[in-house]
Amino acid sequence: MKLNIDLSEENGGPEGPPSIPDKYYPSLHISGKEELDIPKEGLMTVRYKKVSSSESRNEKSGPRYSCTIEVYKIVSAESDEAESPTKRNSESEDALDKLMDEKKKSYK
């Protein structure tokens, strides 16, 4: 099942200070013994289990929904940023150039 759920929520309105963004997003905090080597921003696929959910109602703000998910595994993560080029490996190019030079010399 392919989902495209925008989890953003609107901030209270124009009465707040300008430093507060118009939208905010829920966050997922992961802690452990090893550093996660994942892109700063991008698309991530995870294996998870929804373990609880609830609904509450408030006369002022209306209904609120929450759920708790256990994230079992990060299956993949792709960066949105263009990857910076790493050190260029030109061994193949150099070998082909050498062969071409030798070929040219043999025709002279």
PDB file of N, CA and C in Angstrom:
ATOM      1  N   MET A   1       0.853  -1.169   0.000  1.00  0.00           N
ATOM      2  CA  MET A   1       0.000   0.000   0.000  1.00  0.00           C
ATOM      3  C   MET A   1       0.901   1.234   0.000  1.00  0.00           C
ATOM      4  N   LYS A   2       0.692   2.111  -0.932  1.00  0.00           N
ATOM      5  CA  LYS A   2       1.487   3.327  -1.025  1.00  0.00           C
ATOM      6  C   LYS A   2       0.739   4.461  -0.339  1.00  0.00           C
ATOM      7  N   LEU A   3       1.356   5.084   0.631  1.00  0.00           N
ATOM      8  CA  LEU A   3       0.747   6.185   1.368  1.00  0.00           C
ATOM      9  C   LEU A   3       1.545   7.455   1.135  1.00  0.00           C
ATOM     10  N   ASN A   4       0.856   8.552   1.096  1.00  0.00           N
ATOM     11  CA  ASN A   4       1.514   9.851   0.999  1.00  0.00           C
ATOM     12  C   ASN A   4       0.795  10.767   1.977  1.00  0.00           C
ATOM     13  N   ILE A   5       1.057  10.584   3.265  1.00  0.00           N
ATOM     14  CA  ILE A   5       0.345  11.298   4.314  1.00  0.00           C
ATOM     15  C   ILE A   5       1.202  12.464   4.793  1.00  0.00           C
ATOM     16  N   ASP A   6       0.705  13.675   4.641  1.00  0.00           N
ATOM     17  CA  ASP A   6       1.399  14.862   5.135  1.00  0.00           C
ATOM     18  C   ASP A   6       1.074  15.005   6.618  1.00  0.00           C
ATOM     19  N   LEU A   7       2.078  14.891   7.480  1.00  0.00           N
ATOM     20  CA  LEU A   7       1.872  14.944   8.921  1.00  0.00           C
ATOM     21  C   LEU A   7       2.022  16.350   9.497  1.00  0.00           C
ATOM     22  N   SER A   8       2.162  17.350   8.630  1.00  0.00           N
ATOM     23  CA  SER A   8       2.340  18.718   9.133  1.00  0.00           C
ATOM     24  C   SER A   8       1.084  19.215   9.827  1.00  0.00           C
ATOM     25  N   GLU A   9       1.284  20.100  10.794  1.00  0.00           N
ATOM     26  CA  GLU A   9       0.179  20.741  11.494  1.00  0.00           C
ATOM     27  C   GLU A   9       0.400  22.239  11.428  1.00  0.00           C
ATOM     28  N   GLU A  10      -0.681  22.975  11.308  1.00  0.00           N
ATOM     29  CA  GLU A  10      -0.606  24.433  11.269  1.00  0.00           C
ATOM     30  C   GLU A  10      -0.296  24.956  12.659  1.00  0.00           C
ATOM     31  N   ASN A  11       0.548  25.978  12.707  1.00  0.00           N
ATOM     32  CA  ASN A  11       0.805  26.649  13.973  1.00  0.00           C
ATOM     33  C   ASN A  11      -0.338  27.596  14.268  1.00  0.00           C
ATOM     34  N   GLY A  12      -0.483  28.008  15.492  1.00  0.00           N
ATOM     35  CA  GLY A  12      -1.619  28.773  15.986  1.00  0.00           C
ATOM     36  C   GLY A  12      -2.095  29.954  15.163  1.00  0.00           C
ATOM     37  N   GLY A  13      -1.327  30.530  14.322  1.00  0.00           N
ATOM     38  CA  GLY A  13      -1.781  31.662  13.530  1.00  0.00           C
ATOM     39  C   GLY A  13      -0.791  32.810  13.569  1.00  0.00           C
ATOM     40  N   PRO A  14      -1.181  33.962  13.024  1.00  0.00           N
ATOM     41  CA  PRO A  14      -0.251  35.086  12.892  1.00  0.00           C
ATOM     42  C   PRO A  14       0.081  35.781  14.215  1.00  0.00           C
ATOM     43  N   GLU A  15      -0.608  35.457  15.317  1.00  0.00           N
ATOM     44  CA  GLU A  15      -0.353  36.156  16.566  1.00  0.00           C
ATOM     45  C   GLU A  15       0.970  35.754  17.233  1.00  0.00           C
ATOM     46  N   GLY A  16       1.570  34.642  16.801  1.00  0.00           N
ATOM     47  CA  GLY A  16       2.831  34.186  17.383  1.00  0.00           C
ATOM     48  C   GLY A  16       4.006  34.981  16.849  1.00  0.00           C
ATOM     49  N   PRO A  17       5.178  34.832  17.488  1.00  0.00           N
ATOM     50  CA  PRO A  17       6.377  35.529  17.004  1.00  0.00           C
ATOM     51  C   PRO A  17       6.768  35.051  15.614  1.00  0.00           C
ATOM     52  N   PRO A  18       7.391  35.914  14.807  1.00  0.00           N
ATOM     53  CA  PRO A  18       7.753  35.548  13.432  1.00  0.00           C
ATOM     54  C   PRO A  18       8.765  34.410  13.346  1.00  0.00           C
ATOM     55  N   SER A  19       9.481  34.119  14.429  1.00  0.00           N
ATOM     56  CA  SER A  19      10.485  33.053  14.389  1.00  0.00           C
ATOM     57  C   SER A  19       9.847  31.667  14.424  1.00  0.00           C
ATOM     58  N   ILE A  20       8.552  31.585  14.745  1.00  0.00           N
ATOM     59  CA  ILE A  20       7.873  30.294  14.791  1.00  0.00           C
ATOM     60  C   ILE A  20       7.358  29.968  13.389  1.00  0.00           C
ATOM     61  N   PRO A  21       7.730  28.796  12.837  1.00  0.00           N
ATOM     62  CA  PRO A  21       7.278  28.446  11.485  1.00  0.00           C
ATOM     63  C   PRO A  21       5.764  28.260  11.419  1.00  0.00           C
ATOM     64  N   ASP A  22       5.203  28.403  10.207  1.00  0.00           N
ATOM     65  CA  ASP A  22       3.761  28.242  10.001  1.00  0.00           C
ATOM     66  C   ASP A  22       3.313  26.805  10.231  1.00  0.00           C
ATOM     67  N   LYS A  23       4.199  25.862   9.951  1.00  0.00           N
ATOM     68  CA  LYS A  23       3.876  24.447  10.111  1.00  0.00           C
ATOM     69  C   LYS A  23       4.915  23.781  10.996  1.00  0.00           C
ATOM     70  N   TYR A  24       4.502  22.724  11.634  1.00  0.00           N
ATOM     71  CA  TYR A  24       5.454  21.893  12.365  1.00  0.00           C
ATOM     72  C   TYR A  24       5.113  20.436  12.118  1.00  0.00           C
ATOM     73  N   TYR A  25       6.077  19.582  12.392  1.00  0.00           N
ATOM     74  CA  TYR A  25       5.938  18.155  12.101  1.00  0.00           C
ATOM     75  C   TYR A  25       6.227  17.338  13.353  1.00  0.00           C
ATOM     76  N   PRO A  26       5.566  16.187  13.503  1.00  0.00           N
ATOM     77  CA  PRO A  26       5.914  15.302  14.614  1.00  0.00           C
ATOM     78  C   PRO A  26       7.326  14.761  14.402  1.00  0.00           C
ATOM     79  N   SER A  27       7.952  14.351  15.467  1.00  0.00           N
ATOM     80  CA  SER A  27       9.318  13.848  15.321  1.00  0.00           C
ATOM     81  C   SER A  27       9.429  12.428  15.856  1.00  0.00           C
ATOM     82  N   LEU A  28      10.416  11.735  15.367  1.00  0.00           N
ATOM     83  CA  LEU A  28      10.721  10.378  15.778  1.00  0.00           C
ATOM     84  C   LEU A  28      12.125  10.424  16.371  1.00  0.00           C
ATOM     85  N   HIS A  29      12.253  10.047  17.617  1.00  0.00           N
ATOM     86  CA  HIS A  29      13.559  10.075  18.284  1.00  0.00           C
ATOM     87  C   HIS A  29      14.083   8.652  18.379  1.00  0.00           C
ATOM     88  N   ILE A  30      15.308   8.452  17.914  1.00  0.00           N
ATOM     89  CA  ILE A  30      15.934   7.136  17.969  1.00  0.00           C
ATOM     90  C   ILE A  30      17.233   7.282  18.745  1.00  0.00           C
ATOM     91  N   SER A  31      17.432   6.448  19.730  1.00  0.00           N
ATOM     92  CA  SER A  31      18.695   6.462  20.461  1.00  0.00           C
ATOM     93  C   SER A  31      19.210   5.036  20.565  1.00  0.00           C
ATOM     94  N   GLY A  32      20.490   4.902  20.622  1.00  0.00           N
ATOM     95  CA  GLY A  32      21.077   3.574  20.709  1.00  0.00           C
ATOM     96  C   GLY A  32      22.574   3.660  20.900  1.00  0.00           C
ATOM     97  N   LYS A  33      23.223   2.520  20.847  1.00  0.00           N
ATOM     98  CA  LYS A  33      24.659   2.445  21.084  1.00  0.00           C
ATOM     99  C   LYS A  33      25.484   2.817  19.855  1.00  0.00           C
ATOM    100  N   GLU A  34      24.852   2.778  18.671  1.00  0.00           N
ATOM    101  CA  GLU A  34      25.587   3.065  17.440  1.00  0.00           C
ATOM    102  C   GLU A  34      24.997   4.275  16.732  1.00  0.00           C
ATOM    103  N   GLU A  35      25.863   5.035  16.079  1.00  0.00           N
ATOM    104  CA  GLU A  35      25.430   6.195  15.308  1.00  0.00           C
ATOM    105  C   GLU A  35      24.712   5.716  14.043  1.00  0.00           C
ATOM    106  N   LEU A  36      23.609   6.380  13.695  1.00  0.00           N
ATOM    107  CA  LEU A  36      22.895   6.043  12.464  1.00  0.00           C
ATOM    108  C   LEU A  36      23.531   6.798  11.304  1.00  0.00           C
ATOM    109  N   ASP A  37      23.987   6.071  10.319  1.00  0.00           N
ATOM    110  CA  ASP A  37      24.586   6.683   9.136  1.00  0.00           C
ATOM    111  C   ASP A  37      23.499   6.830   8.081  1.00  0.00           C
ATOM    112  N   ILE A  38      22.710   7.897   8.200  1.00  0.00           N
ATOM    113  CA  ILE A  38      21.613   8.150   7.265  1.00  0.00           C
ATOM    114  C   ILE A  38      21.739   9.570   6.731  1.00  0.00           C
ATOM    115  N   PRO A  39      21.180   9.830   5.545  1.00  0.00           N
ATOM    116  CA  PRO A  39      21.231  11.195   4.999  1.00  0.00           C
ATOM    117  C   PRO A  39      20.535  12.184   5.926  1.00  0.00           C
ATOM    118  N   LYS A  40      20.942  13.435   5.824  1.00  0.00           N
ATOM    119  CA  LYS A  40      20.344  14.496   6.638  1.00  0.00           C
ATOM    120  C   LYS A  40      18.867  14.669   6.312  1.00  0.00           C
ATOM    121  N   GLU A  41      18.510  14.465   5.058  1.00  0.00           N
ATOM    122  CA  GLU A  41      17.119  14.606   4.622  1.00  0.00           C
ATOM    123  C   GLU A  41      16.902  13.713   3.417  1.00  0.00           C
ATOM    124  N   GLY A  42      15.715  13.131   3.313  1.00  0.00           N
ATOM    125  CA  GLY A  42      15.449  12.276   2.171  1.00  0.00           C
ATOM    126  C   GLY A  42      14.216  11.422   2.357  1.00  0.00           C
ATOM    127  N   LEU A  43      14.215  10.302   1.683  1.00  0.00           N
ATOM    128  CA  LEU A  43      13.099   9.361   1.713  1.00  0.00           C
ATOM    129  C   LEU A  43      13.560   8.106   2.446  1.00  0.00           C
ATOM    130  N   MET A  44      12.750   7.655   3.416  1.00  0.00           N
ATOM    131  CA  MET A  44      13.124   6.497   4.217  1.00  0.00           C
ATOM    132  C   MET A  44      11.998   5.473   4.209  1.00  0.00           C
ATOM    133  N   THR A  45      12.359   4.219   4.111  1.00  0.00           N
ATOM    134  CA  THR A  45      11.417   3.116   4.235  1.00  0.00           C
ATOM    135  C   THR A  45      11.744   2.381   5.523  1.00  0.00           C
ATOM    136  N   VAL A  46      10.727   2.172   6.356  1.00  0.00           N
ATOM    137  CA  VAL A  46      10.957   1.494   7.632  1.00  0.00           C
ATOM    138  C   VAL A  46      10.022   0.311   7.790  1.00  0.00           C
ATOM    139  N   ARG A  47      10.420  -0.644   8.610  1.00  0.00           N
ATOM    140  CA  ARG A  47       9.561  -1.749   9.025  1.00  0.00           C
ATOM    141  C   ARG A  47       9.076  -1.360  10.415  1.00  0.00           C
ATOM    142  N   TYR A  48       7.759  -1.377  10.642  1.00  0.00           N
ATOM    143  CA  TYR A  48       7.201  -0.872  11.894  1.00  0.00           C
ATOM    144  C   TYR A  48       5.992  -1.692  12.328  1.00  0.00           C
ATOM    145  N   LYS A  49       5.527  -1.397  13.543  1.00  0.00           N
ATOM    146  CA  LYS A  49       4.294  -1.980  14.045  1.00  0.00           C
ATOM    147  C   LYS A  49       3.550  -0.888  14.816  1.00  0.00           C
ATOM    148  N   LYS A  50       2.279  -0.688  14.492  1.00  0.00           N
ATOM    149  CA  LYS A  50       1.437   0.257  15.223  1.00  0.00           C
ATOM    150  C   LYS A  50       0.973  -0.463  16.491  1.00  0.00           C
ATOM    151  N   VAL A  51       1.383   0.042  17.664  1.00  0.00           N
ATOM    152  CA  VAL A  51       1.085  -0.661  18.911  1.00  0.00           C
ATOM    153  C   VAL A  51      -0.070  -0.046  19.690  1.00  0.00           C
ATOM    154  N   SER A  52      -0.401   1.220  19.428  1.00  0.00           N
ATOM    155  CA  SER A  52      -1.565   1.816  20.091  1.00  0.00           C
ATOM    156  C   SER A  52      -1.999   3.063  19.329  1.00  0.00           C
ATOM    157  N   SER A  53      -3.254   3.441  19.515  1.00  0.00           N
ATOM    158  CA  SER A  53      -3.758   4.686  18.944  1.00  0.00           C
ATOM    159  C   SER A  53      -4.888   5.194  19.828  1.00  0.00           C
ATOM    160  N   SER A  54      -5.100   6.502  19.770  1.00  0.00           N
ATOM    161  CA  SER A  54      -6.164   7.088  20.585  1.00  0.00           C
ATOM    162  C   SER A  54      -6.716   8.336  19.923  1.00  0.00           C
ATOM    163  N   GLU A  55      -7.894   8.725  20.376  1.00  0.00           N
ATOM    164  CA  GLU A  55      -8.558   9.930  19.887  1.00  0.00           C
ATOM    165  C   GLU A  55      -9.061  10.682  21.114  1.00  0.00           C
ATOM    166  N   SER A  56      -8.866  11.981  21.106  1.00  0.00           N
ATOM    167  CA  SER A  56      -9.418  12.808  22.178  1.00  0.00           C
ATOM    168  C   SER A  56     -10.100  14.014  21.552  1.00  0.00           C
ATOM    169  N   ARG A  57     -11.050  14.573  22.257  1.00  0.00           N
ATOM    170  CA  ARG A  57     -11.789  15.726  21.742  1.00  0.00           C
ATOM    171  C   ARG A  57     -11.711  16.870  22.737  1.00  0.00           C
ATOM    172  N   ASN A  58     -11.564  18.063  22.191  1.00  0.00           N
ATOM    173  CA  ASN A  58     -11.521  19.276  22.981  1.00  0.00           C
ATOM    174  C   ASN A  58     -12.435  20.283  22.286  1.00  0.00           C
ATOM    175  N   GLU A  59     -13.258  20.977  23.043  1.00  0.00           N
ATOM    176  CA  GLU A  59     -14.200  21.930  22.439  1.00  0.00           C
ATOM    177  C   GLU A  59     -13.480  23.013  21.644  1.00  0.00           C
ATOM    178  N   LYS A  60     -12.333  23.471  22.145  1.00  0.00           N
ATOM    179  CA  LYS A  60     -11.595  24.543  21.466  1.00  0.00           C
ATOM    180  C   LYS A  60     -10.881  24.060  20.210  1.00  0.00           C
ATOM    181  N   SER A  61     -10.081  23.023  20.369  1.00  0.00           N
ATOM    182  CA  SER A  61      -9.217  22.613  19.253  1.00  0.00           C
ATOM    183  C   SER A  61      -9.781  21.479  18.413  1.00  0.00           C
ATOM    184  N   GLY A  62     -10.865  20.864  18.827  1.00  0.00           N
ATOM    185  CA  GLY A  62     -11.439  19.776  18.042  1.00  0.00           C
ATOM    186  C   GLY A  62     -10.753  18.453  18.341  1.00  0.00           C
ATOM    187  N   PRO A  63     -10.929  17.478  17.456  1.00  0.00           N
ATOM    188  CA  PRO A  63     -10.356  16.154  17.724  1.00  0.00           C
ATOM    189  C   PRO A  63      -8.840  16.133  17.552  1.00  0.00           C
ATOM    190  N   ARG A  64      -8.173  15.290  18.340  1.00  0.00           N
ATOM    191  CA  ARG A  64      -6.732  15.047  18.238  1.00  0.00           C
ATOM    192  C   ARG A  64      -6.521  13.544  18.178  1.00  0.00           C
ATOM    193  N   TYR A  65      -5.646  13.120  17.334  1.00  0.00           N
ATOM    194  CA  TYR A  65      -5.361  11.705  17.167  1.00  0.00           C
ATOM    195  C   TYR A  65      -3.891  11.464  17.478  1.00  0.00           C
ATOM    196  N   SER A  66      -3.605  10.338  18.068  1.00  0.00           N
ATOM    197  CA  SER A  66      -2.211   9.971  18.309  1.00  0.00           C
ATOM    198  C   SER A  66      -2.057   8.463  18.145  1.00  0.00           C
ATOM    199  N   CYS A  67      -0.862   8.072  17.817  1.00  0.00           N
ATOM    200  CA  CYS A  67      -0.567   6.646  17.750  1.00  0.00           C
ATOM    201  C   CYS A  67       0.897   6.439  18.098  1.00  0.00           C
ATOM    202  N   THR A  68       1.184   5.270  18.591  1.00  0.00           N
ATOM    203  CA  THR A  68       2.553   4.887  18.909  1.00  0.00           C
ATOM    204  C   THR A  68       2.950   3.770  17.960  1.00  0.00           C
ATOM    205  N   ILE A  69       4.096   3.960  17.328  1.00  0.00           N
ATOM    206  CA  ILE A  69       4.607   2.923  16.438  1.00  0.00           C
ATOM    207  C   ILE A  69       5.995   2.503  16.915  1.00  0.00           C
ATOM    208  N   GLU A  70       6.251   1.233  16.831  1.00  0.00           N
ATOM    209  CA  GLU A  70       7.583   0.714  17.089  1.00  0.00           C
ATOM    210  C   GLU A  70       8.273   0.560  15.741  1.00  0.00           C
ATOM    211  N   VAL A  71       9.431   1.162  15.613  1.00  0.00           N
ATOM    212  CA  VAL A  71      10.198   1.056  14.368  1.00  0.00           C
ATOM    213  C   VAL A  71      11.194  -0.071  14.555  1.00  0.00           C
ATOM    214  N   TYR A  72      11.006  -1.148  13.787  1.00  0.00           N
ATOM    215  CA  TYR A  72      11.861  -2.325  13.909  1.00  0.00           C
ATOM    216  C   TYR A  72      13.144  -2.219  13.101  1.00  0.00           C
ATOM    217  N   LYS A  73      13.039  -1.608  11.926  1.00  0.00           N
ATOM    218  CA  LYS A  73      14.186  -1.636  11.019  1.00  0.00           C
ATOM    219  C   LYS A  73      14.067  -0.503  10.015  1.00  0.00           C
ATOM    220  N   ILE A  74      15.189   0.138   9.716  1.00  0.00           N
ATOM    221  CA  ILE A  74      15.240   1.079   8.591  1.00  0.00           C
ATOM    222  C   ILE A  74      15.643   0.252   7.388  1.00  0.00           C
ATOM    223  N   VAL A  75      14.725   0.114   6.436  1.00  0.00           N
ATOM    224  CA  VAL A  75      14.958  -0.731   5.270  1.00  0.00           C
ATOM    225  C   VAL A  75      15.845  -0.016   4.257  1.00  0.00           C
ATOM    226  N   SER A  76      15.549   1.257   4.001  1.00  0.00           N
ATOM    227  CA  SER A  76      16.362   2.026   3.063  1.00  0.00           C
ATOM    228  C   SER A  76      16.218   3.507   3.367  1.00  0.00           C
ATOM    229  N   ALA A  77      17.208   4.277   2.916  1.00  0.00           N
ATOM    230  CA  ALA A  77      17.171   5.729   3.050  1.00  0.00           C
ATOM    231  C   ALA A  77      17.891   6.316   1.853  1.00  0.00           C
ATOM    232  N   GLU A  78      17.239   7.253   1.187  1.00  0.00           N
ATOM    233  CA  GLU A  78      17.817   7.909   0.014  1.00  0.00           C
ATOM    234  C   GLU A  78      17.847   9.397   0.265  1.00  0.00           C
ATOM    235  N   SER A  79      18.943  10.023  -0.077  1.00  0.00           N
ATOM    236  CA  SER A  79      19.099  11.454   0.123  1.00  0.00           C
ATOM    237  C   SER A  79      18.353  12.243  -0.947  1.00  0.00           C
ATOM    238  N   ASP A  80      17.794  13.378  -0.555  1.00  0.00           N
ATOM    239  CA  ASP A  80      17.177  14.298  -1.512  1.00  0.00           C
ATOM    240  C   ASP A  80      18.226  15.169  -2.188  1.00  0.00           C
ATOM    241  N   GLU A  81      19.389  15.284  -1.567  1.00  0.00           N
ATOM    242  CA  GLU A  81      20.453  16.134  -2.085  1.00  0.00           C
ATOM    243  C   GLU A  81      21.252  15.395  -3.149  1.00  0.00           C
ATOM    244  N   ALA A  82      21.764  16.149  -4.097  1.00  0.00           N
ATOM    245  CA  ALA A  82      22.638  15.552  -5.101  1.00  0.00           C
ATOM    246  C   ALA A  82      23.926  15.140  -4.403  1.00  0.00           C
ATOM    247  N   GLU A  83      24.379  13.945  -4.690  1.00  0.00           N
ATOM    248  CA  GLU A  83      25.588  13.472  -4.036  1.00  0.00           C
ATOM    249  C   GLU A  83      26.792  14.206  -4.585  1.00  0.00           C
ATOM    250  N   SER A  84      27.669  14.619  -3.681  1.00  0.00           N
ATOM    251  CA  SER A  84      28.878  15.298  -4.124  1.00  0.00           C
ATOM    252  C   SER A  84      29.832  14.258  -4.690  1.00  0.00           C
ATOM    253  N   PRO A  85      30.508  14.620  -5.756  1.00  0.00           N
ATOM    254  CA  PRO A  85      31.403  13.636  -6.375  1.00  0.00           C
ATOM    255  C   PRO A  85      32.550  13.279  -5.435  1.00  0.00           C
ATOM    256  N   THR A  86      32.870  12.016  -5.406  1.00  0.00           N
ATOM    257  CA  THR A  86      34.006  11.562  -4.609  1.00  0.00           C
ATOM    258  C   THR A  86      35.240  11.640  -5.498  1.00  0.00           C
ATOM    259  N   LYS A  87      36.361  11.259  -4.964  1.00  0.00           N
ATOM    260  CA  LYS A  87      37.594  11.284  -5.741  1.00  0.00           C
ATOM    261  C   LYS A  87      37.382  10.495  -7.022  1.00  0.00           C
ATOM    262  N   ARG A  88      37.708  11.111  -8.120  1.00  0.00           N
ATOM    263  CA  ARG A  88      37.460  10.512  -9.425  1.00  0.00           C
ATOM    264  C   ARG A  88      38.439   9.375  -9.688  1.00  0.00           C
ATOM    265  N   ASN A  89      37.908   8.248 -10.094  1.00  0.00           N
ATOM    266  CA  ASN A  89      38.739   7.107 -10.448  1.00  0.00           C
ATOM    267  C   ASN A  89      38.883   7.096 -11.967  1.00  0.00           C
ATOM    268  N   SER A  90      40.079   7.419 -12.431  1.00  0.00           N
ATOM    269  CA  SER A  90      40.286   7.527 -13.880  1.00  0.00           C
ATOM    270  C   SER A  90      41.193   6.425 -14.416  1.00  0.00           C
ATOM    271  N   GLU A  91      41.338   5.340 -13.691  1.00  0.00           N
ATOM    272  CA  GLU A  91      42.209   4.249 -14.141  1.00  0.00           C
ATOM    273  C   GLU A  91      41.786   3.709 -15.499  1.00  0.00           C
ATOM    274  N   SER A  92      40.483   3.492 -15.695  1.00  0.00           N
ATOM    275  CA  SER A  92      39.996   2.956 -16.969  1.00  0.00           C
ATOM    276  C   SER A  92      40.264   3.937 -18.106  1.00  0.00           C
ATOM    277  N   GLU A  93      39.978   5.218 -17.844  1.00  0.00           N
ATOM    278  CA  GLU A  93      40.225   6.236 -18.870  1.00  0.00           C
ATOM    279  C   GLU A  93      41.693   6.273 -19.248  1.00  0.00           C
ATOM    280  N   ASP A  94      42.559   6.260 -18.226  1.00  0.00           N
ATOM    281  CA  ASP A  94      43.995   6.307 -18.483  1.00  0.00           C
ATOM    282  C   ASP A  94      44.457   5.101 -19.293  1.00  0.00           C
ATOM    283  N   ALA A  95      43.925   3.917 -18.970  1.00  0.00           N
ATOM    284  CA  ALA A  95      44.309   2.699 -19.707  1.00  0.00           C
ATOM    285  C   ALA A  95      43.864   2.794 -21.162  1.00  0.00           C
ATOM    286  N   LEU A  96      42.641   3.303 -21.404  1.00  0.00           N
ATOM    287  CA  LEU A  96      42.163   3.453 -22.784  1.00  0.00           C
ATOM    288  C   LEU A  96      42.981   4.488 -23.555  1.00  0.00           C
ATOM    289  N   ASP A  97      43.325   5.585 -22.883  1.00  0.00           N
ATOM    290  CA  ASP A  97      44.156   6.601 -23.538  1.00  0.00           C
ATOM    291  C   ASP A  97      45.510   6.032 -23.925  1.00  0.00           C
ATOM    292  N   LYS A  98      46.076   5.214 -23.048  1.00  0.00           N
ATOM    293  CA  LYS A  98      47.386   4.598 -23.325  1.00  0.00           C
ATOM    294  C   LYS A  98      47.282   3.662 -24.532  1.00  0.00           C
ATOM    295  N   LEU A  99      46.221   2.851 -24.578  1.00  0.00           N
ATOM    296  CA  LEU A  99      46.020   1.955 -25.721  1.00  0.00           C
ATOM    297  C   LEU A  99      45.862   2.740 -27.019  1.00  0.00           C
ATOM    298  N   MET A 100      45.117   3.839 -26.963  1.00  0.00           N
ATOM    299  CA  MET A 100      44.900   4.674 -28.158  1.00  0.00           C
ATOM    300  C   MET A 100      46.220   5.278 -28.633  1.00  0.00           C
ATOM    301  N   ASP A 101      47.041   5.753 -27.692  1.00  0.00           N
ATOM    302  CA  ASP A 101      48.345   6.313 -28.069  1.00  0.00           C
ATOM    303  C   ASP A 101      49.225   5.258 -28.731  1.00  0.00           C
ATOM    304  N   GLU A 102      49.225   4.034 -28.174  1.00  0.00           N
ATOM    305  CA  GLU A 102      50.019   2.955 -28.747  1.00  0.00           C
ATOM    306  C   GLU A 102      49.531   2.610 -30.148  1.00  0.00           C
ATOM    307  N   LYS A 103      48.225   2.621 -30.320  1.00  0.00           N
ATOM    308  CA  LYS A 103      47.628   2.309 -31.624  1.00  0.00           C
ATOM    309  C   LYS A 103      48.044   3.366 -32.652  1.00  0.00           C
ATOM    310  N   LYS A 104      48.005   4.644 -32.251  1.00  0.00           N
ATOM    311  CA  LYS A 104      48.394   5.733 -33.147  1.00  0.00           C
ATOM    312  C   LYS A 104      49.872   5.604 -33.549  1.00  0.00           C
ATOM    313  N   LYS A 105      50.738   5.239 -32.585  1.00  0.00           N
ATOM    314  CA  LYS A 105      52.169   5.104 -32.872  1.00  0.00           C
ATOM    315  C   LYS A 105      52.411   3.967 -33.849  1.00  0.00           C
ATOM    316  N   SER A 106      51.593   2.912 -33.776  1.00  0.00           N
ATOM    317  CA  SER A 106      51.803   1.755 -34.665  1.00  0.00           C
ATOM    318  C   SER A 106      51.430   2.082 -36.100  1.00  0.00           C
ATOM    319  N   TYR A 107      50.585   3.118 -36.326  1.00  0.00           N
ATOM    320  CA  TYR A 107      50.189   3.500 -37.682  1.00  0.00           C
ATOM    321  C   TYR A 107      51.196   4.438 -38.331  1.00  0.00           C
ATOM    322  N   LYS A 108      52.130   4.980 -37.575  1.00  0.00           N
ATOM    323  CA  LYS A 108      53.091   5.949 -38.118  1.00  0.00           C
ATOM    324  C   LYS A 108      54.194   5.302 -38.856  1.00  0.00           C
TER     325      LYS A 108
END
